[in-house]
Amino acid sequence: MAPNPRTEEPQDNPDNYVGLDSARAERLAEERGWSAVRSLPPGAIITMEYRAGRLNFEVTGGTVTRCWKG
């Protein structure tokens, strides 16, 4: 499997997305230059590889409750 290409990450604080409606948070992240945005339910099983340029949202009831890079 080929490694993911390295991309620059936006100068953006993931904590700024916590508390936002998930649809608004996704649009905002894309506008700010994140190359991939992933919304996940609490406790989702995910791979742990770091992908530069990706922003992850944990979403509960339509609201972002946690956000992290990679």
PDB file of N, CA and C in Angstrom:
ATOM      1  N   MET A   1       0.847  -1.176   0.000  1.00  0.00           N
ATOM      2  CA  MET A   1       0.000   0.000   0.000  1.00  0.00           C
ATOM      3  C   MET A   1       0.895   1.242   0.000  1.00  0.00           C
ATOM      4  N   ALA A   2       0.609   2.173  -0.869  1.00  0.00           N
ATOM      5  CA  ALA A   2       1.388   3.413  -0.959  1.00  0.00           C
ATOM      6  C   ALA A   2       1.051   4.329   0.211  1.00  0.00           C
ATOM      7  N   PRO A   3       2.059   5.031   0.748  1.00  0.00           N
ATOM      8  CA  PRO A   3       1.776   5.959   1.853  1.00  0.00           C
ATOM      9  C   PRO A   3       0.948   7.147   1.383  1.00  0.00           C
ATOM     10  N   ASN A   4       0.208   7.728   2.304  1.00  0.00           N
ATOM     11  CA  ASN A   4      -0.574   8.922   1.989  1.00  0.00           C
ATOM     12  C   ASN A   4       0.365  10.073   1.653  1.00  0.00           C
ATOM     13  N   PRO A   5       0.035  10.875   0.649  1.00  0.00           N
ATOM     14  CA  PRO A   5       0.875  12.032   0.352  1.00  0.00           C
ATOM     15  C   PRO A   5       0.791  13.039   1.497  1.00  0.00           C
ATOM     16  N   ARG A   6       1.907  13.679   1.797  1.00  0.00           N
ATOM     17  CA  ARG A   6       1.920  14.674   2.859  1.00  0.00           C
ATOM     18  C   ARG A   6       1.300  15.961   2.339  1.00  0.00           C
ATOM     19  N   THR A   7       0.455  16.518   3.141  1.00  0.00           N
ATOM     20  CA  THR A   7      -0.163  17.781   2.782  1.00  0.00           C
ATOM     21  C   THR A   7       0.006  18.752   3.940  1.00  0.00           C
ATOM     22  N   GLU A   8      -0.021  20.008   3.639  1.00  0.00           N
ATOM     23  CA  GLU A   8       0.057  21.040   4.665  1.00  0.00           C
ATOM     24  C   GLU A   8      -1.251  21.087   5.423  1.00  0.00           C
ATOM     25  N   GLU A   9      -1.152  21.309   6.722  1.00  0.00           N
ATOM     26  CA  GLU A   9      -2.358  21.464   7.527  1.00  0.00           C
ATOM     27  C   GLU A   9      -2.642  22.949   7.734  1.00  0.00           C
ATOM     28  N   PRO A  10      -3.899  23.311   7.722  1.00  0.00           N
ATOM     29  CA  PRO A  10      -4.249  24.706   7.998  1.00  0.00           C
ATOM     30  C   PRO A  10      -3.833  25.096   9.424  1.00  0.00           C
ATOM     31  N   GLN A  11      -3.540  26.348   9.622  1.00  0.00           N
ATOM     32  CA  GLN A  11      -3.262  26.861  10.962  1.00  0.00           C
ATOM     33  C   GLN A  11      -4.609  27.098  11.624  1.00  0.00           C
ATOM     34  N   ASP A  12      -5.143  26.054  12.224  1.00  0.00           N
ATOM     35  CA  ASP A  12      -6.504  26.057  12.733  1.00  0.00           C
ATOM     36  C   ASP A  12      -6.531  25.254  14.025  1.00  0.00           C
ATOM     37  N   ASN A  13      -7.268  25.703  15.007  1.00  0.00           N
ATOM     38  CA  ASN A  13      -7.361  25.031  16.294  1.00  0.00           C
ATOM     39  C   ASN A  13      -8.589  24.121  16.312  1.00  0.00           C
ATOM     40  N   PRO A  14      -8.404  22.798  16.437  1.00  0.00           N
ATOM     41  CA  PRO A  14      -9.545  21.878  16.457  1.00  0.00           C
ATOM     42  C   PRO A  14     -10.561  22.190  17.557  1.00  0.00           C
ATOM     43  N   ASP A  15     -10.125  22.768  18.653  1.00  0.00           N
ATOM     44  CA  ASP A  15     -11.051  23.085  19.748  1.00  0.00           C
ATOM     45  C   ASP A  15     -12.128  24.081  19.324  1.00  0.00           C
ATOM     46  N   ASN A  16     -11.865  24.849  18.270  1.00  0.00           N
ATOM     47  CA  ASN A  16     -12.844  25.836  17.804  1.00  0.00           C
ATOM     48  C   ASN A  16     -14.106  25.199  17.217  1.00  0.00           C
ATOM     49  N   TYR A  17     -14.061  23.919  16.892  1.00  0.00           N
ATOM     50  CA  TYR A  17     -15.202  23.245  16.279  1.00  0.00           C
ATOM     51  C   TYR A  17     -16.145  22.607  17.302  1.00  0.00           C
ATOM     52  N   VAL A  18     -15.640  22.390  18.518  1.00  0.00           N
ATOM     53  CA  VAL A  18     -16.453  21.753  19.558  1.00  0.00           C
ATOM     54  C   VAL A  18     -17.637  22.658  19.893  1.00  0.00           C
ATOM     55  N   GLY A  19     -18.825  22.060  19.891  1.00  0.00           N
ATOM     56  CA  GLY A  19     -20.054  22.793  20.179  1.00  0.00           C
ATOM     57  C   GLY A  19     -20.806  23.251  18.945  1.00  0.00           C
ATOM     58  N   LEU A  20     -20.174  23.158  17.770  1.00  0.00           N
ATOM     59  CA  LEU A  20     -20.843  23.565  16.527  1.00  0.00           C
ATOM     60  C   LEU A  20     -21.721  22.439  15.998  1.00  0.00           C
ATOM     61  N   ASP A  21     -22.744  22.807  15.243  1.00  0.00           N
ATOM     62  CA  ASP A  21     -23.542  21.852  14.496  1.00  0.00           C
ATOM     63  C   ASP A  21     -22.604  21.138  13.522  1.00  0.00           C
ATOM     64  N   SER A  22     -22.738  19.831  13.373  1.00  0.00           N
ATOM     65  CA  SER A  22     -21.781  19.066  12.570  1.00  0.00           C
ATOM     66  C   SER A  22     -21.719  19.521  11.112  1.00  0.00           C
ATOM     67  N   ALA A  23     -22.851  19.836  10.502  1.00  0.00           N
ATOM     68  CA  ALA A  23     -22.850  20.279   9.105  1.00  0.00           C
ATOM     69  C   ALA A  23     -22.109  21.606   8.960  1.00  0.00           C
ATOM     70  N   ARG A  24     -22.341  22.527   9.888  1.00  0.00           N
ATOM     71  CA  ARG A  24     -21.637  23.816   9.853  1.00  0.00           C
ATOM     72  C   ARG A  24     -20.145  23.619  10.081  1.00  0.00           C
ATOM     73  N   ALA A  25     -19.784  22.740  11.020  1.00  0.00           N
ATOM     74  CA  ALA A  25     -18.377  22.479  11.308  1.00  0.00           C
ATOM     75  C   ALA A  25     -17.668  21.893  10.092  1.00  0.00           C
ATOM     76  N   GLU A  26     -18.319  20.987   9.393  1.00  0.00           N
ATOM     77  CA  GLU A  26     -17.716  20.393   8.191  1.00  0.00           C
ATOM     78  C   GLU A  26     -17.488  21.440   7.111  1.00  0.00           C
ATOM     79  N   ARG A  27     -18.488  22.293   6.875  1.00  0.00           N
ATOM     80  CA  ARG A  27     -18.330  23.361   5.872  1.00  0.00           C
ATOM     81  C   ARG A  27     -17.190  24.293   6.257  1.00  0.00           C
ATOM     82  N   LEU A  28     -17.132  24.679   7.512  1.00  0.00           N
ATOM     83  CA  LEU A  28     -16.099  25.589   7.993  1.00  0.00           C
ATOM     84  C   LEU A  28     -14.709  24.965   7.830  1.00  0.00           C
ATOM     85  N   ALA A  29     -14.581  23.690   8.176  1.00  0.00           N
ATOM     86  CA  ALA A  29     -13.290  23.005   8.040  1.00  0.00           C
ATOM     87  C   ALA A  29     -12.836  22.968   6.580  1.00  0.00           C
ATOM     88  N   GLU A  30     -13.750  22.685   5.677  1.00  0.00           N
ATOM     89  CA  GLU A  30     -13.404  22.666   4.261  1.00  0.00           C
ATOM     90  C   GLU A  30     -13.009  24.060   3.776  1.00  0.00           C
ATOM     91  N   GLU A  31     -13.727  25.092   4.223  1.00  0.00           N
ATOM     92  CA  GLU A  31     -13.391  26.472   3.849  1.00  0.00           C
ATOM     93  C   GLU A  31     -12.011  26.860   4.369  1.00  0.00           C
ATOM     94  N   ARG A  32     -11.627  26.337   5.517  1.00  0.00           N
ATOM     95  CA  ARG A  32     -10.339  26.668   6.128  1.00  0.00           C
ATOM     96  C   ARG A  32      -9.190  25.841   5.562  1.00  0.00           C
ATOM     97  N   GLY A  33      -9.496  24.927   4.645  1.00  0.00           N
ATOM     98  CA  GLY A  33      -8.433  24.231   3.928  1.00  0.00           C
ATOM     99  C   GLY A  33      -8.129  22.805   4.341  1.00  0.00           C
ATOM    100  N   TRP A  34      -8.952  22.190   5.189  1.00  0.00           N
ATOM    101  CA  TRP A  34      -8.717  20.783   5.528  1.00  0.00           C
ATOM    102  C   TRP A  34      -9.025  19.942   4.307  1.00  0.00           C
ATOM    103  N   SER A  35      -8.137  19.022   3.955  1.00  0.00           N
ATOM    104  CA  SER A  35      -8.334  18.216   2.749  1.00  0.00           C
ATOM    105  C   SER A  35      -9.323  17.077   2.964  1.00  0.00           C
ATOM    106  N   ALA A  36      -9.529  16.663   4.217  1.00  0.00           N
ATOM    107  CA  ALA A  36     -10.498  15.615   4.526  1.00  0.00           C
ATOM    108  C   ALA A  36     -11.116  15.913   5.884  1.00  0.00           C
ATOM    109  N   VAL A  37     -12.405  15.677   5.980  1.00  0.00           N
ATOM    110  CA  VAL A  37     -13.136  15.863   7.235  1.00  0.00           C
ATOM    111  C   VAL A  37     -13.911  14.572   7.486  1.00  0.00           C
ATOM    112  N   ARG A  38     -13.774  14.047   8.695  1.00  0.00           N
ATOM    113  CA  ARG A  38     -14.418  12.774   9.027  1.00  0.00           C
ATOM    114  C   ARG A  38     -15.277  12.963  10.269  1.00  0.00           C
ATOM    115  N   SER A  39     -16.582  12.674  10.153  1.00  0.00           N
ATOM    116  CA  SER A  39     -17.513  12.742  11.280  1.00  0.00           C
ATOM    117  C   SER A  39     -17.768  11.328  11.789  1.00  0.00           C
ATOM    118  N   LEU A  40     -17.626  11.160  13.084  1.00  0.00           N
ATOM    119  CA  LEU A  40     -17.719   9.833  13.688  1.00  0.00           C
ATOM    120  C   LEU A  40     -18.659   9.847  14.883  1.00  0.00           C
ATOM    121  N   PRO A  41     -19.369   8.755  15.108  1.00  0.00           N
ATOM    122  CA  PRO A  41     -20.177   8.666  16.322  1.00  0.00           C
ATOM    123  C   PRO A  41     -19.268   8.374  17.516  1.00  0.00           C
ATOM    124  N   PRO A  42     -19.719   8.656  18.727  1.00  0.00           N
ATOM    125  CA  PRO A  42     -18.906   8.358  19.916  1.00  0.00           C
ATOM    126  C   PRO A  42     -18.543   6.873  19.970  1.00  0.00           C
ATOM    127  N   GLY A  43     -17.293   6.598  20.302  1.00  0.00           N
ATOM    128  CA  GLY A  43     -16.847   5.219  20.443  1.00  0.00           C
ATOM    129  C   GLY A  43     -16.610   4.473  19.141  1.00  0.00           C
ATOM    130  N   ALA A  44     -16.606   5.185  18.018  1.00  0.00           N
ATOM    131  CA  ALA A  44     -16.383   4.532  16.725  1.00  0.00           C
ATOM    132  C   ALA A  44     -15.002   3.877  16.701  1.00  0.00           C
ATOM    133  N   ILE A  45     -14.934   2.723  16.073  1.00  0.00           N
ATOM    134  CA  ILE A  45     -13.659   2.036  15.915  1.00  0.00           C
ATOM    135  C   ILE A  45     -13.020   2.562  14.632  1.00  0.00           C
ATOM    136  N   ILE A  46     -11.838   3.150  14.779  1.00  0.00           N
ATOM    137  CA  ILE A  46     -11.144   3.739  13.628  1.00  0.00           C
ATOM    138  C   ILE A  46      -9.684   3.300  13.633  1.00  0.00           C
ATOM    139  N   THR A  47      -9.051   3.407  12.482  1.00  0.00           N
ATOM    140  CA  THR A  47      -7.619   3.142  12.411  1.00  0.00           C
ATOM    141  C   THR A  47      -6.885   4.304  13.051  1.00  0.00           C
ATOM    142  N   MET A  48      -5.705   4.062  13.535  1.00  0.00           N
ATOM    143  CA  MET A  48      -4.964   5.082  14.272  1.00  0.00           C
ATOM    144  C   MET A  48      -3.876   5.767  13.444  1.00  0.00           C
ATOM    145  N   GLU A  49      -3.792   5.468  12.146  1.00  0.00           N
ATOM    146  CA  GLU A  49      -2.751   6.122  11.357  1.00  0.00           C
ATOM    147  C   GLU A  49      -3.042   7.618  11.258  1.00  0.00           C
ATOM    148  N   TYR A  50      -1.988   8.399  11.279  1.00  0.00           N
ATOM    149  CA  TYR A  50      -2.123   9.841  11.186  1.00  0.00           C
ATOM    150  C   TYR A  50      -2.140  10.230   9.721  1.00  0.00           C
ATOM    151  N   ARG A  51      -3.103  11.014   9.327  1.00  0.00           N
ATOM    152  CA  ARG A  51      -3.186  11.507   7.953  1.00  0.00           C
ATOM    153  C   ARG A  51      -3.158  13.030   8.002  1.00  0.00           C
ATOM    154  N   ALA A  52      -2.069  13.606   7.522  1.00  0.00           N
ATOM    155  CA  ALA A  52      -1.941  15.062   7.498  1.00  0.00           C
ATOM    156  C   ALA A  52      -3.069  15.660   6.671  1.00  0.00           C
ATOM    157  N   GLY A  53      -3.646  16.735   7.147  1.00  0.00           N
ATOM    158  CA  GLY A  53      -4.708  17.409   6.418  1.00  0.00           C
ATOM    159  C   GLY A  53      -6.106  16.912   6.738  1.00  0.00           C
ATOM    160  N   ARG A  54      -6.210  15.888   7.612  1.00  0.00           N
ATOM    161  CA  ARG A  54      -7.534  15.350   7.966  1.00  0.00           C
ATOM    162  C   ARG A  54      -7.949  15.878   9.337  1.00  0.00           C
ATOM    163  N   LEU A  55      -9.228  16.238   9.451  1.00  0.00           N
ATOM    164  CA  LEU A  55      -9.813  16.680  10.713  1.00  0.00           C
ATOM    165  C   LEU A  55     -10.933  15.717  11.074  1.00  0.00           C
ATOM    166  N   ASN A  56     -10.918  15.233  12.295  1.00  0.00           N
ATOM    167  CA  ASN A  56     -11.906  14.267  12.776  1.00  0.00           C
ATOM    168  C   ASN A  56     -12.856  14.932  13.751  1.00  0.00           C
ATOM    169  N   PHE A  57     -14.136  14.658  13.586  1.00  0.00           N
ATOM    170  CA  PHE A  57     -15.160  15.154  14.504  1.00  0.00           C
ATOM    171  C   PHE A  57     -15.842  13.969  15.164  1.00  0.00           C
ATOM    172  N   GLU A  58     -15.991  14.016  16.476  1.00  0.00           N
ATOM    173  CA  GLU A  58     -16.884  13.088  17.157  1.00  0.00           C
ATOM    174  C   GLU A  58     -18.191  13.847  17.330  1.00  0.00           C
ATOM    175  N   VAL A  59     -19.284  13.257  16.849  1.00  0.00           N
ATOM    176  CA  VAL A  59     -20.566  13.952  16.793  1.00  0.00           C
ATOM    177  C   VAL A  59     -21.610  13.202  17.621  1.00  0.00           C
ATOM    178  N   THR A  60     -22.249  13.932  18.526  1.00  0.00           N
ATOM    179  CA  THR A  60     -23.324  13.395  19.348  1.00  0.00           C
ATOM    180  C   THR A  60     -24.548  14.277  19.162  1.00  0.00           C
ATOM    181  N   GLY A  61     -25.651  13.692  18.727  1.00  0.00           N
ATOM    182  CA  GLY A  61     -26.886  14.451  18.545  1.00  0.00           C
ATOM    183  C   GLY A  61     -26.746  15.619  17.585  1.00  0.00           C
ATOM    184  N   GLY A  62     -25.895  15.468  16.567  1.00  0.00           N
ATOM    185  CA  GLY A  62     -25.727  16.521  15.567  1.00  0.00           C
ATOM    186  C   GLY A  62     -24.751  17.621  15.946  1.00  0.00           C
ATOM    187  N   THR A  63     -24.114  17.490  17.128  1.00  0.00           N
ATOM    188  CA  THR A  63     -23.180  18.510  17.611  1.00  0.00           C
ATOM    189  C   THR A  63     -21.785  17.908  17.776  1.00  0.00           C
ATOM    190  N   VAL A  64     -20.765  18.659  17.375  1.00  0.00           N
ATOM    191  CA  VAL A  64     -19.387  18.211  17.543  1.00  0.00           C
ATOM    192  C   VAL A  64     -19.048  18.263  19.031  1.00  0.00           C
ATOM    193  N   THR A  65     -18.652  17.106  19.571  1.00  0.00           N
ATOM    194  CA  THR A  65     -18.304  17.022  20.995  1.00  0.00           C
ATOM    195  C   THR A  65     -16.811  16.865  21.219  1.00  0.00           C
ATOM    196  N   ARG A  66     -16.087  16.512  20.143  1.00  0.00           N
ATOM    197  CA  ARG A  66     -14.632  16.343  20.217  1.00  0.00           C
ATOM    198  C   ARG A  66     -14.089  16.532  18.818  1.00  0.00           C
ATOM    199  N   CYS A  67     -12.877  17.088  18.715  1.00  0.00           N
ATOM    200  CA  CYS A  67     -12.263  17.306  17.407  1.00  0.00           C
ATOM    201  C   CYS A  67     -10.757  17.130  17.530  1.00  0.00           C
ATOM    202  N   TRP A  68     -10.156  16.437  16.546  1.00  0.00           N
ATOM    203  CA  TRP A  68      -8.721  16.245  16.563  1.00  0.00           C
ATOM    204  C   TRP A  68      -8.186  16.088  15.137  1.00  0.00           C
ATOM    205  N   LYS A  69      -6.891  16.387  14.993  1.00  0.00           N
ATOM    206  CA  LYS A  69      -6.220  16.269  13.694  1.00  0.00           C
ATOM    207  C   LYS A  69      -5.838  14.831  13.424  1.00  0.00           C
ATOM    208  N   GLY A  70      -5.710  14.501  12.142  1.00  0.00           N
ATOM    209  CA  GLY A  70      -5.180  13.222  11.738  1.00  0.00           C
ATOM    210  C   GLY A  70      -6.153  12.247  11.294  1.00  0.00           C
TER     211      GLY A  70
END
